[in-house]
Amino acid sequence: MKKAENFVGVILILVLIFTLIWVNWQRIEKKTPPKKENPLKGIDPQNPFYTPPLEKKDIPFGAILLEVSQDGFKPDRFEVKKGQKVTLVLSSTDNNFHSLIFEKEELEKVKIIVEPKTTRGIVFFAPENPGEYRFFDLEVQGKEKPKGVMVVK
């Protein structure tokens, strides 16, 4: 009889332990935030549009990062291959609005506007024709507009 009582006691203790483990596991699962998807991932390069504000950690590996201020773009020149899928990220480093707009009509859809101290990205296909494609910042007031060049090879 004692063996049966001991057996029932062990079973009850095991059920209690497993119940506590399960309850704590449920709490842990609820506290774990969902994995944040890369905001640049869903952009169709055929129909580019810029992203909502990005954090530095959201910038994907291989993206071209341009910083912009009243002093201009840094770097002010970058290279891509013709037809390449380009991930371009623009980051305002001062307290002003900035933009990146290409001069050539074939890149008219590729434009980014950033608020002060904000970063945004865009994904597009580089032109098929090699050459230099100039871009500028329309938002700078009272002096020559900062300029830059995308070189397509």
C-alpha atoms as a PDB file:
ATOM      1  CA  MET A   1       0.000   0.000   0.000  1.00  0.00           C
ATOM      2  CA  LYS A   2       2.871   2.329   0.816  1.00  0.00           C
ATOM      3  CA  LYS A   3       4.339   1.716  -2.629  1.00  0.00           C
ATOM      4  CA  ALA A   4       1.089   2.781  -4.270  1.00  0.00           C
ATOM      5  CA  GLU A   5       0.912   5.950  -2.136  1.00  0.00           C
ATOM      6  CA  ASN A   6       4.523   6.777  -2.963  1.00  0.00           C
ATOM      7  CA  PHE A   7       3.835   6.163  -6.648  1.00  0.00           C
ATOM      8  CA  VAL A   8       0.793   8.492  -6.601  1.00  0.00           C
ATOM      9  CA  GLY A   9       2.830  11.126  -4.734  1.00  0.00           C
ATOM     10  CA  VAL A  10       5.636  10.960  -7.319  1.00  0.00           C
ATOM     11  CA  ILE A  11       3.105  11.260 -10.149  1.00  0.00           C
ATOM     12  CA  LEU A  12       1.488  14.317  -8.514  1.00  0.00           C
ATOM     13  CA  ILE A  13       4.883  15.979  -8.037  1.00  0.00           C
ATOM     14  CA  LEU A  14       5.816  15.296 -11.688  1.00  0.00           C
ATOM     15  CA  VAL A  15       2.484  16.725 -12.896  1.00  0.00           C
ATOM     16  CA  LEU A  16       3.074  19.836 -10.753  1.00  0.00           C
ATOM     17  CA  ILE A  17       6.611  20.283 -12.089  1.00  0.00           C
ATOM     18  CA  PHE A  18       5.528  19.888 -15.736  1.00  0.00           C
ATOM     19  CA  THR A  19       2.624  22.302 -15.172  1.00  0.00           C
ATOM     20  CA  LEU A  20       4.999  24.942 -13.755  1.00  0.00           C
ATOM     21  CA  ILE A  21       7.402  24.455 -16.667  1.00  0.00           C
ATOM     22  CA  TRP A  22       4.566  24.790 -19.195  1.00  0.00           C
ATOM     23  CA  VAL A  23       3.195  27.978 -17.550  1.00  0.00           C
ATOM     24  CA  ASN A  24       6.659  29.595 -17.526  1.00  0.00           C
ATOM     25  CA  TRP A  25       7.228  28.569 -21.152  1.00  0.00           C
ATOM     26  CA  GLN A  26       3.982  30.276 -22.154  1.00  0.00           C
ATOM     27  CA  ARG A  27       5.137  33.474 -20.429  1.00  0.00           C
ATOM     28  CA  ILE A  28       8.507  33.351 -22.195  1.00  0.00           C
ATOM     29  CA  GLU A  29       6.863  32.885 -25.598  1.00  0.00           C
ATOM     30  CA  LYS A  30       4.609  35.900 -25.020  1.00  0.00           C
ATOM     31  CA  LYS A  31       7.558  38.103 -23.980  1.00  0.00           C
ATOM     32  CA  THR A  32       9.644  37.229 -27.031  1.00  0.00           C
ATOM     33  CA  PRO A  33       9.053  40.012 -29.581  1.00  0.00           C
ATOM     34  CA  PRO A  34       8.300  38.918 -33.129  1.00  0.00           C
ATOM     35  CA  LYS A  35      11.255  39.020 -35.474  1.00  0.00           C
ATOM     36  CA  LYS A  36      11.300  42.326 -37.351  1.00  0.00           C
ATOM     37  CA  GLU A  37      11.444  41.877 -41.101  1.00  0.00           C
ATOM     38  CA  ASN A  38      13.843  43.945 -43.190  1.00  0.00           C
ATOM     39  CA  PRO A  39      11.804  46.952 -44.399  1.00  0.00           C
ATOM     40  CA  LEU A  40      13.758  47.035 -47.668  1.00  0.00           C
ATOM     41  CA  LYS A  41      12.950  43.408 -48.488  1.00  0.00           C
ATOM     42  CA  GLY A  42       9.479  43.974 -49.933  1.00  0.00           C
ATOM     43  CA  ILE A  43      10.340  46.808 -52.327  1.00  0.00           C
ATOM     44  CA  ASP A  44       9.903  46.005 -56.003  1.00  0.00           C
ATOM     45  CA  PRO A  45      12.955  47.403 -57.866  1.00  0.00           C
ATOM     46  CA  GLN A  46      10.747  47.864 -60.951  1.00  0.00           C
ATOM     47  CA  ASN A  47       8.554  50.279 -59.000  1.00  0.00           C
ATOM     48  CA  PRO A  48      10.807  51.901 -56.386  1.00  0.00           C
ATOM     49  CA  PHE A  49       9.561  53.878 -53.403  1.00  0.00           C
ATOM     50  CA  TYR A  50      11.412  54.844 -50.273  1.00  0.00           C
ATOM     51  CA  THR A  51      10.941  53.136 -46.936  1.00  0.00           C
ATOM     52  CA  PRO A  52       9.619  54.419 -43.657  1.00  0.00           C
ATOM     53  CA  PRO A  53      12.422  55.625 -41.350  1.00  0.00           C
ATOM     54  CA  LEU A  54      15.097  52.991 -40.727  1.00  0.00           C
ATOM     55  CA  GLU A  55      17.322  52.334 -37.785  1.00  0.00           C
ATOM     56  CA  LYS A  56      21.010  51.742 -38.527  1.00  0.00           C
ATOM     57  CA  LYS A  57      20.590  48.070 -37.575  1.00  0.00           C
ATOM     58  CA  ASP A  58      17.940  47.685 -40.310  1.00  0.00           C
ATOM     59  CA  ILE A  59      20.354  48.589 -43.118  1.00  0.00           C
ATOM     60  CA  PRO A  60      21.071  45.356 -45.000  1.00  0.00           C
ATOM     61  CA  PHE A  61      24.568  44.133 -45.746  1.00  0.00           C
ATOM     62  CA  GLY A  62      25.725  45.377 -49.146  1.00  0.00           C
ATOM     63  CA  ALA A  63      23.550  48.499 -49.139  1.00  0.00           C
ATOM     64  CA  ILE A  64      25.120  51.733 -50.354  1.00  0.00           C
ATOM     65  CA  LEU A  65      24.922  54.223 -47.479  1.00  0.00           C
ATOM     66  CA  LEU A  66      25.059  57.921 -48.320  1.00  0.00           C
ATOM     67  CA  GLU A  67      25.102  60.490 -45.555  1.00  0.00           C
ATOM     68  CA  VAL A  68      23.818  63.953 -46.416  1.00  0.00           C
ATOM     69  CA  SER A  69      24.061  67.339 -44.715  1.00  0.00           C
ATOM     70  CA  GLN A  70      24.191  71.014 -45.743  1.00  0.00           C
ATOM     71  CA  ASP A  71      27.798  70.272 -46.786  1.00  0.00           C
ATOM     72  CA  GLY A  72      26.753  67.615 -49.306  1.00  0.00           C
ATOM     73  CA  PHE A  73      26.718  63.869 -49.833  1.00  0.00           C
ATOM     74  CA  LYS A  74      29.323  61.551 -48.287  1.00  0.00           C
ATOM     75  CA  PRO A  75      30.440  59.770 -50.319  1.00  0.00           C
ATOM     76  CA  ASP A  76      29.440  61.886 -53.300  1.00  0.00           C
ATOM     77  CA  ARG A  77      30.280  59.119 -55.791  1.00  0.00           C
ATOM     78  CA  PHE A  78      29.504  55.410 -55.915  1.00  0.00           C
ATOM     79  CA  GLU A  79      29.711  52.640 -58.525  1.00  0.00           C
ATOM     80  CA  VAL A  80      27.245  49.944 -59.574  1.00  0.00           C
ATOM     81  CA  LYS A  81      27.065  47.427 -62.399  1.00  0.00           C
ATOM     82  CA  LYS A  82      24.583  47.899 -65.221  1.00  0.00           C
ATOM     83  CA  GLY A  83      21.238  46.270 -64.445  1.00  0.00           C
ATOM     84  CA  GLN A  84      22.309  45.591 -60.849  1.00  0.00           C
ATOM     85  CA  LYS A  85      19.693  45.580 -58.095  1.00  0.00           C
ATOM     86  CA  VAL A  86      20.770  48.561 -55.974  1.00  0.00           C
ATOM     87  CA  THR A  87      19.858  49.113 -52.333  1.00  0.00           C
ATOM     88  CA  LEU A  88      20.533  52.778 -51.598  1.00  0.00           C
ATOM     89  CA  VAL A  89      20.211  54.254 -48.109  1.00  0.00           C
ATOM     90  CA  LEU A  90      20.178  58.000 -47.422  1.00  0.00           C
ATOM     91  CA  SER A  91      20.838  59.311 -43.917  1.00  0.00           C
ATOM     92  CA  SER A  92      20.418  62.951 -42.851  1.00  0.00           C
ATOM     93  CA  THR A  93      23.194  63.825 -40.402  1.00  0.00           C
ATOM     94  CA  ASP A  94      22.001  67.329 -39.534  1.00  0.00           C
ATOM     95  CA  ASN A  95      18.807  69.115 -38.504  1.00  0.00           C
ATOM     96  CA  ASN A  96      17.533  69.671 -42.059  1.00  0.00           C
ATOM     97  CA  PHE A  97      15.349  67.900 -44.605  1.00  0.00           C
ATOM     98  CA  HIS A  98      17.285  66.408 -47.534  1.00  0.00           C
ATOM     99  CA  SER A  99      16.541  64.557 -50.759  1.00  0.00           C
ATOM    100  CA  LEU A 100      18.267  62.502 -53.395  1.00  0.00           C
ATOM    101  CA  ILE A 101      16.924  62.990 -56.909  1.00  0.00           C
ATOM    102  CA  PHE A 102      18.539  61.877 -60.166  1.00  0.00           C
ATOM    103  CA  GLU A 103      18.761  64.268 -63.138  1.00  0.00           C
ATOM    104  CA  LYS A 104      18.135  61.673 -65.859  1.00  0.00           C
ATOM    105  CA  GLU A 105      14.557  60.844 -66.771  1.00  0.00           C
ATOM    106  CA  GLU A 106      15.132  57.080 -66.732  1.00  0.00           C
ATOM    107  CA  LEU A 107      15.709  57.324 -62.971  1.00  0.00           C
ATOM    108  CA  GLU A 108      12.838  59.719 -62.225  1.00  0.00           C
ATOM    109  CA  LYS A 109      11.139  57.194 -59.925  1.00  0.00           C
ATOM    110  CA  VAL A 110      14.250  56.889 -57.764  1.00  0.00           C
ATOM    111  CA  LYS A 111      13.950  59.608 -55.138  1.00  0.00           C
ATOM    112  CA  ILE A 112      14.310  59.718 -51.396  1.00  0.00           C
ATOM    113  CA  ILE A 113      13.303  62.464 -48.990  1.00  0.00           C
ATOM    114  CA  VAL A 114      14.580  62.298 -45.401  1.00  0.00           C
ATOM    115  CA  GLU A 115      13.625  64.302 -42.376  1.00  0.00           C
ATOM    116  CA  PRO A 116      16.281  65.709 -39.999  1.00  0.00           C
ATOM    117  CA  LYS A 117      18.439  62.986 -38.428  1.00  0.00           C
ATOM    118  CA  THR A 118      16.474  60.286 -40.289  1.00  0.00           C
ATOM    119  CA  THR A 119      17.501  57.373 -42.515  1.00  0.00           C
ATOM    120  CA  ARG A 120      15.464  55.871 -45.372  1.00  0.00           C
ATOM    121  CA  GLY A 121      16.213  53.395 -48.140  1.00  0.00           C
ATOM    122  CA  ILE A 122      15.152  52.535 -51.667  1.00  0.00           C
ATOM    123  CA  VAL A 123      15.701  49.560 -53.974  1.00  0.00           C
ATOM    124  CA  PHE A 124      15.940  49.931 -57.762  1.00  0.00           C
ATOM    125  CA  PHE A 125      17.672  48.505 -60.821  1.00  0.00           C
ATOM    126  CA  ALA A 126      20.680  50.397 -62.142  1.00  0.00           C
ATOM    127  CA  PRO A 127      20.334  51.571 -65.750  1.00  0.00           C
ATOM    128  CA  GLU A 128      21.469  49.222 -68.513  1.00  0.00           C
ATOM    129  CA  ASN A 129      23.545  51.980 -70.140  1.00  0.00           C
ATOM    130  CA  PRO A 130      26.988  52.559 -68.610  1.00  0.00           C
ATOM    131  CA  GLY A 131      27.811  56.139 -67.691  1.00  0.00           C
ATOM    132  CA  GLU A 132      27.582  58.769 -64.997  1.00  0.00           C
ATOM    133  CA  TYR A 133      24.205  59.543 -63.479  1.00  0.00           C
ATOM    134  CA  ARG A 134      24.150  62.745 -61.457  1.00  0.00           C
ATOM    135  CA  PHE A 135      21.941  63.256 -58.433  1.00  0.00           C
ATOM    136  CA  PHE A 136      21.317  66.251 -56.212  1.00  0.00           C
ATOM    137  CA  ASP A 137      19.628  67.448 -53.030  1.00  0.00           C
ATOM    138  CA  LEU A 138      16.658  69.756 -53.712  1.00  0.00           C
ATOM    139  CA  GLU A 139      16.087  70.552 -50.050  1.00  0.00           C
ATOM    140  CA  VAL A 140      19.185  72.722 -49.466  1.00  0.00           C
ATOM    141  CA  GLN A 141      18.231  76.394 -49.482  1.00  0.00           C
ATOM    142  CA  GLY A 142      20.319  79.494 -50.141  1.00  0.00           C
ATOM    143  CA  LYS A 143      23.380  77.959 -51.774  1.00  0.00           C
ATOM    144  CA  GLU A 144      24.430  75.603 -54.532  1.00  0.00           C
ATOM    145  CA  LYS A 145      22.660  72.272 -54.327  1.00  0.00           C
ATOM    146  CA  PRO A 146      24.846  69.372 -53.137  1.00  0.00           C
ATOM    147  CA  LYS A 147      25.537  66.938 -55.942  1.00  0.00           C
ATOM    148  CA  GLY A 148      26.781  63.429 -56.419  1.00  0.00           C
ATOM    149  CA  VAL A 149      27.339  60.801 -59.118  1.00  0.00           C
ATOM    150  CA  MET A 150      26.322  57.178 -59.545  1.00  0.00           C
ATOM    151  CA  VAL A 151      28.736  55.520 -61.975  1.00  0.00           C
ATOM    152  CA  VAL A 152      27.244  52.608 -63.919  1.00  0.00           C
ATOM    153  CA  LYS A 153      29.839  50.210 -65.350  1.00  0.00           C
END
